[in-house]
Amino acid sequence: MKLTTQELEQMRSVDIGAVAAESLPDVSGMTFDNALSRKERITRFLQTVKNPYCFCIGGVGVKIEFAESGPSLQDKLTDFLLRQRSGL
């Protein structure tokens, strides 16, 4: 599945506040088969979510945004998991 720059920009510009969470694909139980190549895993993810920027996790609509100069996703997820573990 190959997306054009225009298609990605349209997906990125979705206003998550205007989208009903129940209309978004729920990725809560999604698993990734590490036996597949990275490209195949990405393709399956895109086929499931349709929009890599907006999806639902446990009934909550989520929009992913990235800043060029921002921290990495790995750093933010690590921070989140550490806060969860410490009960914050």
N, C-alpha and C. Protein backbone atom coordinates (compact mmCIF):
# COMPACT_ATOMS: atom_id res chain seq x y z
N MET A 1 0.86 -1.17 0.00
CA MET A 1 0.00 0.00 0.00
C MET A 1 0.90 1.23 0.00
N LYS A 2 0.82 2.02 -1.04
CA LYS A 2 1.65 3.21 -1.14
C LYS A 2 0.73 4.43 -1.12
N LEU A 3 1.02 5.35 -0.22
CA LEU A 3 0.23 6.56 -0.08
C LEU A 3 0.98 7.74 -0.67
N THR A 4 0.25 8.64 -1.30
CA THR A 4 0.87 9.83 -1.84
C THR A 4 1.05 10.86 -0.73
N THR A 5 1.88 11.84 -0.99
CA THR A 5 2.10 12.92 -0.03
C THR A 5 0.79 13.64 0.26
N GLN A 6 -0.03 13.85 -0.77
CA GLN A 6 -1.31 14.52 -0.60
C GLN A 6 -2.25 13.69 0.29
N GLU A 7 -2.29 12.38 0.08
CA GLU A 7 -3.14 11.51 0.90
C GLU A 7 -2.70 11.55 2.36
N LEU A 8 -1.39 11.48 2.59
CA LEU A 8 -0.87 11.55 3.96
C LEU A 8 -1.19 12.88 4.61
N GLU A 9 -1.09 13.96 3.85
CA GLU A 9 -1.40 15.29 4.40
C GLU A 9 -2.88 15.38 4.78
N GLN A 10 -3.76 14.83 3.94
CA GLN A 10 -5.19 14.82 4.26
C GLN A 10 -5.46 14.02 5.53
N MET A 11 -4.79 12.89 5.68
CA MET A 11 -4.95 12.06 6.87
C MET A 11 -4.43 12.79 8.11
N ARG A 12 -3.31 13.45 7.96
CA ARG A 12 -2.69 14.16 9.07
C ARG A 12 -3.53 15.34 9.53
N SER A 13 -4.28 15.94 8.63
CA SER A 13 -5.04 17.14 8.95
C SER A 13 -6.42 16.87 9.55
N VAL A 14 -6.77 15.61 9.77
CA VAL A 14 -8.07 15.26 10.36
C VAL A 14 -8.18 15.87 11.76
N ASP A 15 -9.33 16.48 12.05
CA ASP A 15 -9.62 17.03 13.38
C ASP A 15 -10.19 15.90 14.23
N ILE A 16 -9.38 15.37 15.14
CA ILE A 16 -9.81 14.22 15.95
C ILE A 16 -11.02 14.56 16.80
N GLY A 17 -11.19 15.82 17.17
CA GLY A 17 -12.34 16.23 17.96
C GLY A 17 -13.65 16.15 17.20
N ALA A 18 -13.56 16.12 15.87
CA ALA A 18 -14.76 16.07 15.04
C ALA A 18 -15.09 14.64 14.59
N VAL A 19 -14.28 13.68 15.04
CA VAL A 19 -14.48 12.29 14.63
C VAL A 19 -14.98 11.48 15.82
N ALA A 20 -16.06 10.73 15.62
CA ALA A 20 -16.59 9.86 16.68
C ALA A 20 -15.62 8.70 16.88
N ALA A 21 -15.20 8.48 18.11
CA ALA A 21 -14.24 7.41 18.42
C ALA A 21 -14.71 6.06 17.89
N GLU A 22 -16.01 5.80 18.00
CA GLU A 22 -16.53 4.50 17.56
C GLU A 22 -16.44 4.30 16.05
N SER A 23 -16.20 5.37 15.30
CA SER A 23 -16.06 5.23 13.84
C SER A 23 -14.62 4.92 13.43
N LEU A 24 -13.70 4.98 14.39
CA LEU A 24 -12.29 4.71 14.11
C LEU A 24 -11.96 3.25 14.41
N PRO A 25 -11.03 2.66 13.65
CA PRO A 25 -10.61 1.29 13.96
C PRO A 25 -9.95 1.22 15.33
N ASP A 26 -10.33 0.23 16.14
CA ASP A 26 -9.76 0.07 17.48
C ASP A 26 -8.54 -0.85 17.38
N VAL A 27 -7.39 -0.35 17.77
CA VAL A 27 -6.14 -1.11 17.68
C VAL A 27 -5.72 -1.70 19.02
N SER A 28 -6.60 -1.67 20.01
CA SER A 28 -6.26 -2.16 21.35
C SER A 28 -5.67 -3.57 21.34
N GLY A 29 -6.26 -4.46 20.60
CA GLY A 29 -5.80 -5.84 20.60
C GLY A 29 -4.87 -6.18 19.45
N MET A 30 -4.46 -5.19 18.71
CA MET A 30 -3.63 -5.45 17.54
C MET A 30 -2.26 -6.00 17.95
N THR A 31 -1.84 -7.03 17.26
CA THR A 31 -0.51 -7.59 17.48
C THR A 31 0.26 -7.53 16.17
N PHE A 32 1.56 -7.58 16.29
CA PHE A 32 2.42 -7.53 15.11
C PHE A 32 3.21 -8.81 15.01
N ASP A 33 3.20 -9.40 13.85
CA ASP A 33 3.92 -10.64 13.59
C ASP A 33 5.35 -10.29 13.20
N ASN A 34 6.28 -10.49 14.13
CA ASN A 34 7.67 -10.14 13.87
C ASN A 34 8.34 -11.06 12.85
N ALA A 35 7.66 -12.11 12.45
CA ALA A 35 8.20 -12.98 11.40
C ALA A 35 8.05 -12.31 10.03
N LEU A 36 7.14 -11.33 9.96
CA LEU A 36 6.95 -10.59 8.70
C LEU A 36 7.99 -9.49 8.59
N SER A 37 8.23 -9.06 7.38
CA SER A 37 9.17 -7.96 7.16
C SER A 37 8.54 -6.66 7.68
N ARG A 38 9.37 -5.67 7.92
CA ARG A 38 8.88 -4.36 8.39
C ARG A 38 7.84 -3.80 7.42
N LYS A 39 8.13 -3.90 6.14
CA LYS A 39 7.21 -3.40 5.11
C LYS A 39 5.86 -4.11 5.19
N GLU A 40 5.87 -5.43 5.38
CA GLU A 40 4.62 -6.18 5.48
C GLU A 40 3.85 -5.80 6.75
N ARG A 41 4.55 -5.58 7.87
CA ARG A 41 3.87 -5.17 9.10
C ARG A 41 3.24 -3.80 8.92
N ILE A 42 3.94 -2.88 8.28
CA ILE A 42 3.39 -1.54 8.03
C ILE A 42 2.18 -1.64 7.12
N THR A 43 2.27 -2.44 6.09
CA THR A 43 1.15 -2.60 5.16
C THR A 43 -0.08 -3.15 5.88
N ARG A 44 0.09 -4.14 6.73
CA ARG A 44 -1.04 -4.71 7.48
C ARG A 44 -1.64 -3.67 8.44
N PHE A 45 -0.78 -2.90 9.09
CA PHE A 45 -1.25 -1.86 9.99
C PHE A 45 -2.09 -0.84 9.21
N LEU A 46 -1.59 -0.39 8.07
CA LEU A 46 -2.32 0.59 7.26
C LEU A 46 -3.63 0.02 6.73
N GLN A 47 -3.66 -1.26 6.39
CA GLN A 47 -4.90 -1.88 5.93
C GLN A 47 -5.93 -1.92 7.05
N THR A 48 -5.47 -2.06 8.28
CA THR A 48 -6.38 -2.13 9.43
C THR A 48 -6.87 -0.75 9.83
N VAL A 49 -5.95 0.21 9.99
CA VAL A 49 -6.34 1.52 10.53
C VAL A 49 -6.79 2.50 9.47
N LYS A 50 -6.39 2.30 8.25
CA LYS A 50 -6.71 3.20 7.13
C LYS A 50 -5.99 4.55 7.23
N ASN A 51 -5.98 5.14 8.43
CA ASN A 51 -5.31 6.42 8.65
C ASN A 51 -4.30 6.23 9.78
N PRO A 52 -3.00 6.29 9.47
CA PRO A 52 -1.98 6.04 10.51
C PRO A 52 -1.92 7.13 11.57
N TYR A 53 -2.59 8.24 11.36
CA TYR A 53 -2.57 9.34 12.32
C TYR A 53 -3.75 9.28 13.31
N CYS A 54 -4.84 8.62 12.94
CA CYS A 54 -6.04 8.61 13.78
C CYS A 54 -6.59 7.20 13.91
N PHE A 55 -6.78 6.77 15.15
CA PHE A 55 -7.36 5.47 15.42
C PHE A 55 -7.92 5.49 16.83
N CYS A 56 -8.45 4.39 17.25
CA CYS A 56 -9.08 4.29 18.56
C CYS A 56 -8.32 3.26 19.40
N ILE A 57 -8.17 3.57 20.69
CA ILE A 57 -7.58 2.63 21.62
C ILE A 57 -8.53 2.54 22.82
N GLY A 58 -9.18 1.40 22.95
CA GLY A 58 -10.09 1.19 24.08
C GLY A 58 -11.21 2.20 24.16
N GLY A 59 -11.77 2.59 23.03
CA GLY A 59 -12.89 3.52 23.02
C GLY A 59 -12.51 4.99 23.01
N VAL A 60 -11.21 5.28 22.99
CA VAL A 60 -10.74 6.67 22.98
C VAL A 60 -10.09 6.97 21.64
N GLY A 61 -10.55 8.03 20.98
CA GLY A 61 -9.94 8.46 19.73
C GLY A 61 -8.57 9.03 19.99
N VAL A 62 -7.59 8.63 19.18
CA VAL A 62 -6.21 9.06 19.34
C VAL A 62 -5.71 9.64 18.03
N LYS A 63 -5.01 10.76 18.12
CA LYS A 63 -4.36 11.33 16.95
C LYS A 63 -2.88 11.45 17.25
N ILE A 64 -2.08 10.91 16.36
CA ILE A 64 -0.63 10.94 16.50
C ILE A 64 -0.10 12.14 15.71
N GLU A 65 0.73 12.92 16.37
CA GLU A 65 1.39 14.05 15.70
C GLU A 65 2.87 14.01 16.04
N PHE A 66 3.71 14.40 15.10
CA PHE A 66 5.14 14.40 15.29
C PHE A 66 5.69 15.79 14.99
N ALA A 67 6.62 16.24 15.81
CA ALA A 67 7.31 17.51 15.56
C ALA A 67 8.73 17.20 15.10
N GLU A 68 9.20 17.93 14.13
CA GLU A 68 10.54 17.70 13.60
C GLU A 68 11.60 17.76 14.70
N SER A 69 11.46 18.70 15.62
CA SER A 69 12.48 18.89 16.64
C SER A 69 12.08 18.29 17.98
N GLY A 70 10.99 17.54 18.00
CA GLY A 70 10.48 16.97 19.25
C GLY A 70 11.21 15.71 19.66
N PRO A 71 10.87 15.22 20.86
CA PRO A 71 11.48 13.97 21.34
C PRO A 71 10.99 12.79 20.50
N SER A 72 11.73 11.71 20.54
CA SER A 72 11.36 10.53 19.77
C SER A 72 10.14 9.85 20.39
N LEU A 73 9.43 9.10 19.60
CA LEU A 73 8.27 8.35 20.09
C LEU A 73 8.72 7.37 21.17
N GLN A 74 9.87 6.75 20.98
CA GLN A 74 10.38 5.81 21.97
C GLN A 74 10.59 6.50 23.32
N ASP A 75 11.16 7.72 23.31
CA ASP A 75 11.36 8.46 24.55
C ASP A 75 10.03 8.77 25.24
N LYS A 76 9.05 9.20 24.47
CA LYS A 76 7.75 9.54 25.04
C LYS A 76 7.04 8.31 25.59
N LEU A 77 7.11 7.20 24.89
CA LEU A 77 6.49 5.97 25.38
C LEU A 77 7.19 5.47 26.65
N THR A 78 8.51 5.59 26.68
CA THR A 78 9.26 5.20 27.89
C THR A 78 8.82 6.06 29.07
N ASP A 79 8.72 7.37 28.86
CA ASP A 79 8.27 8.27 29.92
C ASP A 79 6.87 7.88 30.40
N PHE A 80 5.98 7.61 29.45
CA PHE A 80 4.61 7.23 29.79
C PHE A 80 4.58 5.95 30.63
N LEU A 81 5.33 4.94 30.19
CA LEU A 81 5.32 3.67 30.92
C LEU A 81 5.93 3.81 32.32
N LEU A 82 6.95 4.64 32.45
CA LEU A 82 7.52 4.89 33.77
C LEU A 82 6.52 5.57 34.69
N ARG A 83 5.76 6.53 34.14
CA ARG A 83 4.73 7.21 34.94
C ARG A 83 3.64 6.24 35.33
N GLN A 84 3.24 5.37 34.42
CA GLN A 84 2.21 4.37 34.72
C GLN A 84 2.68 3.44 35.84
N ARG A 85 3.91 3.01 35.76
CA ARG A 85 4.44 2.08 36.76
C ARG A 85 4.52 2.73 38.14
N SER A 86 4.81 4.03 38.16
CA SER A 86 4.93 4.71 39.46
C SER A 86 3.59 5.24 39.95
N GLY A 87 2.52 5.01 39.17
CA GLY A 87 1.18 5.40 39.61
C GLY A 87 0.84 6.86 39.39
N LEU A 88 1.57 7.55 38.54
CA LEU A 88 1.28 8.97 38.26
C LEU A 88 0.32 9.13 37.12
